[in-house]
N, C-alpha and C. Protein backbone atom coordinates (compact mmCIF):
# COMPACT_ATOMS: atom_id res chain seq x y z
N MET A 1 98.72 125.25 69.42
CA MET A 1 97.78 123.84 67.97
C MET A 1 96.60 125.53 67.26
N PHE A 2 96.61 125.69 65.81
CA PHE A 2 96.06 126.25 65.52
C PHE A 2 95.06 125.78 65.35
N LEU A 3 93.53 126.43 64.68
CA LEU A 3 92.74 125.96 64.41
C LEU A 3 92.13 127.15 63.26
N LEU A 4 91.73 126.42 62.05
CA LEU A 4 90.71 127.22 61.04
C LEU A 4 89.22 126.82 60.93
N TRP A 5 88.86 127.77 61.16
CA TRP A 5 87.09 127.53 60.70
C TRP A 5 86.97 128.37 58.90
N PRO A 6 86.03 127.27 58.69
CA PRO A 6 84.97 126.04 58.91
C PRO A 6 85.55 124.65 59.05
N PRO A 7 85.29 124.03 59.83
CA PRO A 7 86.01 122.73 59.34
C PRO A 7 84.73 121.34 58.57
N ASP A 8 84.76 120.40 58.51
CA ASP A 8 84.57 119.70 57.67
C ASP A 8 83.28 119.41 58.74
N LYS A 9 83.24 118.52 59.55
CA LYS A 9 81.47 118.22 59.86
C LYS A 9 81.75 119.46 61.49
N GLY A 10 80.89 119.84 61.63
CA GLY A 10 80.19 120.29 63.67
C GLY A 10 81.19 120.71 63.73
N ALA A 11 81.18 120.86 65.32
CA ALA A 11 81.80 121.55 66.09
C ALA A 11 83.30 120.86 66.31
N VAL A 12 84.53 122.36 66.28
CA VAL A 12 85.39 121.53 66.16
C VAL A 12 86.40 121.28 67.86
N ARG A 13 87.10 120.29 68.35
CA ARG A 13 87.63 120.54 69.51
C ARG A 13 89.11 120.71 69.28
N GLY A 14 89.23 121.16 70.62
CA GLY A 14 91.15 121.41 70.70
C GLY A 14 91.50 121.29 71.53
N VAL A 15 91.86 120.60 72.29
CA VAL A 15 92.36 120.40 73.56
C VAL A 15 91.57 120.93 74.82
N GLY A 16 90.26 119.97 74.19
CA GLY A 16 88.99 119.94 75.02
C GLY A 16 88.25 121.00 74.98
N PHE A 17 88.50 122.12 74.52
CA PHE A 17 87.86 123.30 74.20
C PHE A 17 86.69 123.38 73.14
N PRO A 18 85.49 123.72 72.89
CA PRO A 18 84.80 123.58 72.18
C PRO A 18 85.40 125.00 70.95
N VAL A 19 85.36 124.66 69.72
CA VAL A 19 85.15 125.82 69.21
C VAL A 19 84.55 126.46 67.91
N ASN A 20 83.43 127.40 68.08
CA ASN A 20 82.38 127.29 67.48
C ASN A 20 82.63 128.17 66.16
N ALA A 21 82.20 128.82 65.25
CA ALA A 21 82.38 130.02 64.35
C ALA A 21 81.29 130.68 64.49
N ALA A 22 81.35 132.49 63.95
CA ALA A 22 80.47 133.51 64.16
C ALA A 22 79.52 133.45 63.32
N PRO A 23 78.31 133.72 63.32
CA PRO A 23 77.40 133.70 62.14
C PRO A 23 78.13 134.08 61.20
N GLY A 24 77.59 133.24 60.24
CA GLY A 24 78.10 133.10 58.88
C GLY A 24 79.57 132.62 58.46
N GLY A 25 79.83 132.28 59.55
CA GLY A 25 81.40 130.97 59.79
C GLY A 25 82.66 132.01 59.57
N SER A 26 82.53 133.11 59.73
CA SER A 26 84.05 133.68 59.44
C SER A 26 85.12 133.80 60.22
N LEU A 27 84.59 134.04 61.86
CA LEU A 27 85.36 133.46 63.05
C LEU A 27 85.65 132.92 63.68
N ILE A 28 86.53 132.61 64.56
CA ILE A 28 86.56 131.55 65.38
C ILE A 28 86.34 132.04 66.94
N ARG A 29 85.27 131.79 67.60
CA ARG A 29 85.16 131.96 69.08
C ARG A 29 85.97 130.84 70.03
N GLU A 30 86.74 131.58 70.90
CA GLU A 30 87.04 130.68 72.12
C GLU A 30 85.67 130.33 72.63
N ALA A 31 86.17 129.64 73.97
CA ALA A 31 84.71 128.70 74.60
C ALA A 31 83.77 129.72 74.85
N SER A 32 84.66 130.56 75.43
CA SER A 32 83.79 132.05 76.08
C SER A 32 82.73 132.80 75.26
N GLY A 33 83.39 131.97 74.01
CA GLY A 33 81.93 132.52 72.94
C GLY A 33 82.75 134.16 72.11
N ASN A 34 84.11 134.68 72.56
CA ASN A 34 84.33 135.83 72.01
C ASN A 34 85.26 135.17 70.96
N PRO A 35 85.02 136.69 69.73
CA PRO A 35 86.19 136.57 69.30
C PRO A 35 87.84 136.67 69.11
N HIS A 36 88.17 136.03 69.23
CA HIS A 36 89.88 135.97 69.40
C HIS A 36 90.55 137.02 68.66
N THR A 37 90.52 136.61 67.34
CA THR A 37 91.15 137.60 65.89
C THR A 37 90.33 137.61 65.18
N ALA A 38 90.58 138.70 64.67
CA ALA A 38 89.66 139.10 63.01
C ALA A 38 90.05 138.26 61.92
N LEU A 39 91.47 137.60 62.16
CA LEU A 39 91.68 136.67 60.87
C LEU A 39 91.17 135.45 61.11
N GLY A 40 90.20 135.02 61.88
CA GLY A 40 89.53 133.72 62.63
C GLY A 40 90.81 132.36 62.16
N ILE A 41 91.76 133.25 63.48
CA ILE A 41 92.95 132.20 63.90
C ILE A 41 92.54 132.49 65.05
N ILE A 42 93.04 130.80 65.93
CA ILE A 42 92.94 130.85 67.69
C ILE A 42 94.25 129.96 67.96
N SER A 43 94.98 130.58 68.59
CA SER A 43 96.24 129.95 69.50
C SER A 43 95.87 129.54 70.55
N MET A 44 96.48 128.07 70.94
CA MET A 44 95.63 127.54 72.51
C MET A 44 96.87 126.15 72.31
N ARG A 45 97.71 127.01 73.83
CA ARG A 45 98.09 125.85 74.68
C ARG A 45 98.11 125.33 75.64
N PRO A 46 97.59 123.92 75.66
CA PRO A 46 97.16 123.99 76.49
C PRO A 46 97.80 124.46 78.04
N ARG A 47 99.14 124.14 78.49
CA ARG A 47 100.00 124.53 79.13
C ARG A 47 101.77 124.76 79.08
N PRO A 48 102.20 125.61 79.71
CA PRO A 48 103.11 126.53 79.29
C PRO A 48 104.39 125.67 78.94
N SER A 49 105.14 125.53 78.09
CA SER A 49 106.31 124.91 77.42
C SER A 49 107.36 125.27 78.71
N LYS A 50 107.91 123.70 79.15
CA LYS A 50 108.68 123.69 79.89
C LYS A 50 110.43 124.95 79.48
N SER A 51 110.88 125.29 78.30
CA SER A 51 111.56 126.43 78.28
C SER A 51 110.75 127.99 78.42
N GLU A 52 109.91 128.32 78.74
CA GLU A 52 108.95 129.42 78.85
C GLU A 52 109.39 129.94 80.19
N LYS A 53 110.05 130.96 80.67
CA LYS A 53 110.46 131.47 81.35
C LYS A 53 108.69 132.13 82.49
N PRO A 54 108.89 132.61 82.99
CA PRO A 54 107.41 133.14 84.16
C PRO A 54 108.23 134.58 83.81
N LEU A 55 107.06 135.42 83.92
CA LEU A 55 107.09 137.23 83.59
C LEU A 55 106.58 137.96 84.69
N HIS A 56 107.73 137.97 85.98
CA HIS A 56 107.09 139.05 86.65
C HIS A 56 107.75 140.49 86.75
N TRP A 57 106.25 141.14 87.62
CA TRP A 57 106.09 142.58 86.75
C TRP A 57 106.60 143.43 88.21
N VAL A 58 107.24 144.32 88.06
CA VAL A 58 107.72 144.94 89.05
C VAL A 58 106.89 146.36 89.30
N GLY A 59 106.49 146.55 89.95
CA GLY A 59 106.16 147.94 90.48
C GLY A 59 104.51 148.03 90.13
N SER A 60 104.21 149.80 89.68
CA SER A 60 103.24 149.63 88.50
C SER A 60 103.36 148.85 87.09
N SER A 61 104.29 148.70 86.77
CA SER A 61 104.78 148.21 84.74
C SER A 61 103.18 147.50 84.68
N LYS A 62 102.57 146.16 85.30
CA LYS A 62 101.81 146.03 84.60
C LYS A 62 100.59 146.53 84.60
N ARG A 63 100.15 147.51 85.26
CA ARG A 63 98.88 148.33 85.23
C ARG A 63 99.12 149.28 84.53
N ASP A 64 100.58 149.87 84.32
CA ASP A 64 101.11 151.06 83.40
C ASP A 64 100.88 150.67 81.77
N LEU A 65 101.22 149.38 81.43
CA LEU A 65 100.90 149.30 80.31
C LEU A 65 100.09 148.86 79.85
N LEU A 66 98.59 148.43 81.09
CA LEU A 66 96.86 147.79 80.53
C LEU A 66 96.70 149.39 80.08
N GLY A 67 97.34 150.54 80.12
CA GLY A 67 96.61 151.73 80.31
C GLY A 67 97.28 152.47 79.14
N PHE A 68 97.72 151.82 77.93
CA PHE A 68 98.26 152.00 76.94
C PHE A 68 97.07 151.49 75.52
N PRO A 69 97.44 152.19 74.37
CA PRO A 69 95.92 151.48 73.29
C PRO A 69 96.53 150.07 73.01
N GLU A 70 95.21 149.69 72.53
CA GLU A 70 94.96 148.27 72.79
C GLU A 70 95.84 147.60 71.85
N ARG A 71 96.23 148.41 70.31
CA ARG A 71 97.44 147.57 69.69
C ARG A 71 98.91 147.52 69.96
N VAL A 72 99.44 149.23 70.99
CA VAL A 72 100.69 148.87 71.67
C VAL A 72 100.39 147.83 72.60
N VAL A 73 99.51 147.15 73.59
CA VAL A 73 99.29 146.24 74.40
C VAL A 73 99.69 144.96 74.29
N ASP A 74 98.79 144.79 72.45
CA ASP A 74 98.65 143.17 71.71
C ASP A 74 100.22 143.37 71.19
N ASN A 75 101.12 144.22 71.07
CA ASN A 75 102.41 144.07 70.16
C ASN A 75 103.87 143.86 71.50
N ILE A 76 103.13 144.52 72.55
CA ILE A 76 104.08 144.50 73.75
C ILE A 76 103.93 143.08 73.86
N GLY A 77 102.77 142.82 74.56
CA GLY A 77 102.97 141.58 74.97
C GLY A 77 103.21 140.12 74.22
N TYR A 78 103.19 140.39 72.71
CA TYR A 78 103.49 139.34 72.01
C TYR A 78 105.09 139.34 72.24
N ALA A 79 105.36 140.43 71.92
CA ALA A 79 107.35 140.15 72.15
C ALA A 79 107.87 140.07 73.21
N LEU A 80 106.97 139.89 74.52
CA LEU A 80 107.15 139.77 75.62
C LEU A 80 106.65 137.80 75.84
N GLY A 81 106.16 137.66 75.27
CA GLY A 81 105.53 136.26 74.84
C GLY A 81 107.17 134.98 74.24
N VAL A 82 107.68 136.35 73.51
CA VAL A 82 108.52 135.61 72.66
C VAL A 82 109.58 135.53 73.38
N VAL A 83 110.06 136.92 74.60
CA VAL A 83 111.06 136.77 75.37
C VAL A 83 110.90 135.70 75.99
N GLN A 84 109.84 135.59 76.69
CA GLN A 84 109.13 133.97 77.70
C GLN A 84 110.34 133.24 77.28
N LEU A 85 110.37 133.08 75.85
CA LEU A 85 110.21 131.65 75.04
C LEU A 85 111.66 131.73 74.68
N GLY A 86 112.43 132.97 75.12
CA GLY A 86 113.91 132.59 74.81
C GLY A 86 114.08 133.30 73.37
N GLY A 87 113.34 133.67 72.90
CA GLY A 87 113.57 134.85 71.86
C GLY A 87 114.42 135.90 71.81
N HIS A 88 114.47 136.75 70.76
CA HIS A 88 114.85 138.14 71.05
C HIS A 88 113.87 139.11 69.52
N PRO A 89 112.63 139.32 69.96
CA PRO A 89 111.49 140.02 69.53
C PRO A 89 112.14 141.65 68.57
N PRO A 90 111.98 141.72 67.67
CA PRO A 90 111.96 142.90 66.35
C PRO A 90 112.04 144.11 67.17
N SER A 91 111.52 144.19 68.31
CA SER A 91 111.25 145.61 68.53
C SER A 91 111.98 145.88 69.68
N ALA A 92 112.65 144.90 69.87
CA ALA A 92 113.67 145.28 71.31
C ALA A 92 114.83 145.33 70.72
N LYS A 93 115.43 146.71 71.58
CA LYS A 93 116.73 146.75 71.65
C LYS A 93 117.12 147.19 72.82
N PRO A 94 118.83 147.00 73.00
CA PRO A 94 119.28 147.11 74.50
C PRO A 94 119.13 148.81 75.10
N TRP A 95 118.94 148.63 76.79
CA TRP A 95 118.74 149.57 76.97
C TRP A 95 120.27 150.26 77.44
N LYS A 96 120.13 151.31 77.67
CA LYS A 96 121.61 151.69 77.19
C LYS A 96 122.07 151.82 79.14
N GLY A 97 122.55 151.68 79.56
CA GLY A 97 123.50 152.99 81.03
C GLY A 97 123.39 151.03 82.12
N LEU A 98 122.40 150.40 81.76
CA LEU A 98 122.73 149.53 82.72
C LEU A 98 123.50 148.08 82.02
N GLY A 99 123.93 147.89 81.20
CA GLY A 99 124.81 146.88 81.07
C GLY A 99 123.95 145.70 80.47
N PRO A 100 124.51 144.52 80.30
CA PRO A 100 123.72 143.70 79.29
C PRO A 100 122.58 142.99 79.99
N GLY A 101 121.82 142.71 79.67
CA GLY A 101 120.02 141.25 80.03
C GLY A 101 119.06 142.79 80.68
N VAL A 102 119.49 143.91 80.24
CA VAL A 102 117.86 144.68 80.51
C VAL A 102 117.78 145.57 79.10
N SER A 103 116.85 144.94 77.99
CA SER A 103 116.44 145.71 76.97
C SER A 103 115.14 146.67 77.14
N GLU A 104 114.57 147.02 75.98
CA GLU A 104 113.51 147.90 76.04
C GLU A 104 112.64 147.60 74.82
N ILE A 105 110.84 147.25 74.96
CA ILE A 105 110.88 147.34 73.54
C ILE A 105 109.99 148.68 73.17
N VAL A 106 110.70 148.91 72.17
CA VAL A 106 109.35 150.11 71.49
C VAL A 106 108.44 150.16 70.52
N GLU A 107 107.26 150.78 70.91
CA GLU A 107 106.15 150.97 69.99
C GLU A 107 105.53 151.96 69.82
N ASP A 108 105.74 151.96 68.71
CA ASP A 108 105.27 153.91 67.72
C ASP A 108 103.46 153.64 67.71
N ASP A 109 102.73 154.71 67.76
CA ASP A 109 101.40 154.35 67.64
C ASP A 109 101.42 156.15 67.44
N THR A 110 100.37 156.60 67.12
CA THR A 110 99.60 157.39 66.45
C THR A 110 100.05 158.50 67.83
N SER A 111 99.86 158.11 68.70
CA SER A 111 99.43 158.85 70.02
C SER A 111 100.92 159.22 70.60
N GLY A 112 101.35 158.44 69.51
CA GLY A 112 103.16 158.58 70.87
C GLY A 112 104.32 157.62 71.04
N THR A 113 105.66 157.58 71.52
CA THR A 113 106.26 156.24 71.53
C THR A 113 105.82 155.64 72.81
N PHE A 114 106.06 154.54 73.02
CA PHE A 114 105.47 153.67 74.26
C PHE A 114 106.89 152.31 74.07
N ARG A 115 107.18 152.01 75.23
CA ARG A 115 108.37 151.45 75.97
C ARG A 115 107.97 150.23 76.90
N ALA A 116 108.51 149.18 77.12
CA ALA A 116 107.99 148.72 78.83
C ALA A 116 110.08 147.76 78.45
N VAL A 117 109.81 148.25 79.70
CA VAL A 117 112.13 147.76 79.86
C VAL A 117 111.72 146.38 80.37
N TYR A 118 112.87 145.51 80.04
CA TYR A 118 112.98 144.32 80.89
C TYR A 118 113.84 143.88 81.26
N ALA A 119 114.33 143.07 81.94
CA ALA A 119 115.56 142.24 82.26
C ALA A 119 115.11 141.14 82.23
N VAL A 120 116.45 140.11 81.45
CA VAL A 120 116.57 138.97 81.19
C VAL A 120 118.32 138.35 81.99
N ARG A 121 118.43 139.06 82.69
CA ARG A 121 119.70 138.28 82.97
C ARG A 121 119.18 137.53 84.47
N PHE A 122 118.31 137.34 84.40
CA PHE A 122 117.92 136.38 85.61
C PHE A 122 117.82 135.02 84.89
N ARG A 123 118.05 133.84 84.97
CA ARG A 123 118.33 132.65 84.83
C ARG A 123 117.31 132.28 83.75
N LYS A 124 116.27 132.55 85.54
CA LYS A 124 115.05 131.41 85.48
C LYS A 124 113.75 132.28 85.28
N ALA A 125 113.99 133.71 85.24
CA ALA A 125 112.84 134.65 85.41
C ALA A 125 112.76 135.74 84.64
N ILE A 126 112.28 136.24 84.22
CA ILE A 126 111.94 137.89 82.67
C ILE A 126 111.66 138.61 84.09
N TYR A 127 111.88 139.63 84.37
CA TYR A 127 111.24 140.81 85.19
C TYR A 127 110.97 141.79 83.93
N VAL A 128 109.73 142.61 84.04
CA VAL A 128 109.45 143.78 83.60
C VAL A 128 109.19 144.84 84.58
N LEU A 129 110.27 145.35 84.40
CA LEU A 129 110.68 146.74 85.28
C LEU A 129 110.10 148.25 85.19
N HIS A 130 109.73 148.16 83.67
CA HIS A 130 108.69 149.86 83.36
C HIS A 130 108.18 149.79 82.75
N ALA A 131 106.91 150.75 82.23
CA ALA A 131 106.42 150.64 80.89
C ALA A 131 105.42 152.26 81.13
N PHE A 132 106.30 152.75 80.06
CA PHE A 132 106.05 153.90 79.89
C PHE A 132 105.82 154.52 78.46
N HIS A 133 105.23 155.74 78.31
CA HIS A 133 104.87 156.64 76.97
C HIS A 133 105.91 157.65 77.38
N LYS A 134 107.05 157.86 76.26
CA LYS A 134 107.76 158.25 76.18
C LYS A 134 107.42 159.76 75.78
N LYS A 135 107.61 160.60 76.40
CA LYS A 135 107.30 162.17 76.35
C LYS A 135 108.50 163.10 77.01
N SER A 136 109.44 162.45 76.33
CA SER A 136 111.01 162.83 77.37
C SER A 136 111.18 164.69 76.22
N PRO A 137 110.97 166.21 77.18
CA PRO A 137 110.84 167.54 76.25
C PRO A 137 112.73 167.40 75.50
N SER A 138 113.36 166.54 75.87
CA SER A 138 114.80 166.55 75.27
C SER A 138 115.24 165.57 74.24
N GLY A 139 114.09 165.48 73.37
CA GLY A 139 114.34 164.62 71.69
C GLY A 139 114.26 163.50 72.27
N VAL A 140 115.14 162.97 71.96
CA VAL A 140 115.61 161.38 72.08
C VAL A 140 116.31 160.27 73.00
N ARG A 141 116.29 161.19 74.16
CA ARG A 141 116.71 160.58 75.15
C ARG A 141 115.65 160.63 76.17
N THR A 142 115.48 159.53 76.92
CA THR A 142 114.72 159.11 77.99
C THR A 142 114.81 159.92 79.00
N ALA A 143 113.58 160.48 79.84
CA ALA A 143 113.51 161.64 80.96
C ALA A 143 114.11 160.69 81.97
N ARG A 144 115.02 161.49 82.83
CA ARG A 144 115.52 161.10 83.58
C ARG A 144 114.94 160.41 85.38
N PRO A 145 113.40 160.74 85.46
CA PRO A 145 112.73 160.11 86.58
C PRO A 145 112.18 158.50 85.88
N ASP A 146 112.68 158.08 84.12
CA ASP A 146 111.85 157.33 84.20
C ASP A 146 113.50 155.99 84.04
N VAL A 147 114.38 157.07 83.67
CA VAL A 147 115.96 156.05 83.73
C VAL A 147 116.00 155.57 85.32
N GLU A 148 115.77 156.88 86.34
CA GLU A 148 115.74 156.25 87.53
C GLU A 148 114.85 155.21 88.01
N LEU A 149 113.68 155.33 87.33
CA LEU A 149 112.80 154.24 87.82
C LEU A 149 113.40 152.87 87.78
N VAL A 150 113.76 152.87 85.95
CA VAL A 150 114.09 151.70 86.13
C VAL A 150 115.51 150.95 86.85
N GLU A 151 116.39 151.88 86.71
CA GLU A 151 117.80 151.42 88.16
C GLU A 151 117.09 150.83 89.13
N GLU A 152 115.66 151.64 89.62
CA GLU A 152 115.41 151.29 91.52
C GLU A 152 114.67 149.94 91.05
N ARG A 153 113.87 150.02 89.96
CA ARG A 153 113.16 148.47 89.58
C ARG A 153 114.20 147.61 89.33
N LEU A 154 115.28 147.93 88.53
CA LEU A 154 116.30 146.57 88.89
C LEU A 154 116.96 146.13 90.19
N LYS A 155 116.98 147.05 90.92
CA LYS A 155 117.08 146.49 92.42
C LYS A 155 116.30 145.38 92.70
N ALA A 156 115.21 146.22 93.27
CA ALA A 156 114.28 145.13 93.45
C ALA A 156 113.82 144.11 92.90
N ALA A 157 113.83 144.15 91.84
CA ALA A 157 114.03 142.57 90.79
C ALA A 157 115.11 141.82 90.87
N ARG A 158 116.19 142.55 91.13
CA ARG A 158 117.20 141.49 91.58
C ARG A 158 116.78 140.50 93.21
N ARG A 159 116.57 141.59 93.81
CA ARG A 159 116.22 141.11 95.37
C ARG A 159 114.87 139.92 95.76
N ASP A 160 113.86 140.16 94.57
CA ASP A 160 112.69 139.91 94.54
C ASP A 160 113.20 137.93 93.86
N TYR A 161 114.10 138.60 93.23
CA TYR A 161 114.69 137.45 92.47
C TYR A 161 115.50 136.17 93.19
N GLU A 162 116.22 137.06 94.23
CA GLU A 162 117.29 136.16 95.02
C GLU A 162 116.58 135.51 96.27
N ALA A 163 114.92 136.10 96.71
CA ALA A 163 114.32 135.66 97.67
C ALA A 163 113.40 134.51 96.98
N ARG A 164 113.13 134.24 96.05
CA ARG A 164 112.35 133.41 95.27
C ARG A 164 113.12 132.40 94.55
N TYR A 165 114.34 132.92 94.01
CA TYR A 165 115.00 131.35 92.99
C TYR A 165 116.45 131.32 93.85
N GLY A 166 117.17 131.76 94.97
CA GLY A 166 118.52 132.06 94.93
C GLY A 166 119.40 133.08 94.25
N LYS A 167 120.46 133.05 94.85
CA LYS A 167 121.40 134.19 93.91
C LYS A 167 122.36 133.96 92.62
N GLU A 168 121.52 132.99 91.98
CA GLU A 168 122.06 132.39 90.57
C GLU A 168 121.74 133.64 89.74
N THR A 169 122.22 133.96 88.71
CA THR A 169 121.96 134.60 87.43
C THR A 169 123.51 134.77 86.34
N ASP A 170 122.79 135.08 85.30
CA ASP A 170 123.53 134.67 83.87
C ASP A 170 124.78 135.07 83.75
């Protein structure tokens, strides 16, 4: 649900949360009072979609992602949301070497290239395997330690998936 400010009269209510304008009426604020976006648009979902798959973070992948520049975190987070709903974000490409169902989201920033590797080969969940700042001394190739870490974490994700959901995969 999208809400735009200013409304015709009074405060706007959406999904039970009051939405108020910032001074001057230019921004929408969440119920907490913080501006959500500079564009004045807020998206609110009362509950996850039935088609939305849960997102599981393997190892330090979430902590690593949150250490990236804010714009990169926002873009990768949005792309992972698209993946959770069954879509394929434009910034995603196949991760070479592990077969189908493993992809990476690539985001460029002034401070370098950032990647998040995730697995969609599991029917009921998405696993984020690794998030890293690409610093390979070998040009376009991904550093061997990053490749090995993705392989290890994919095995860990498979074990976790089987423990949570059984042995069924795509």
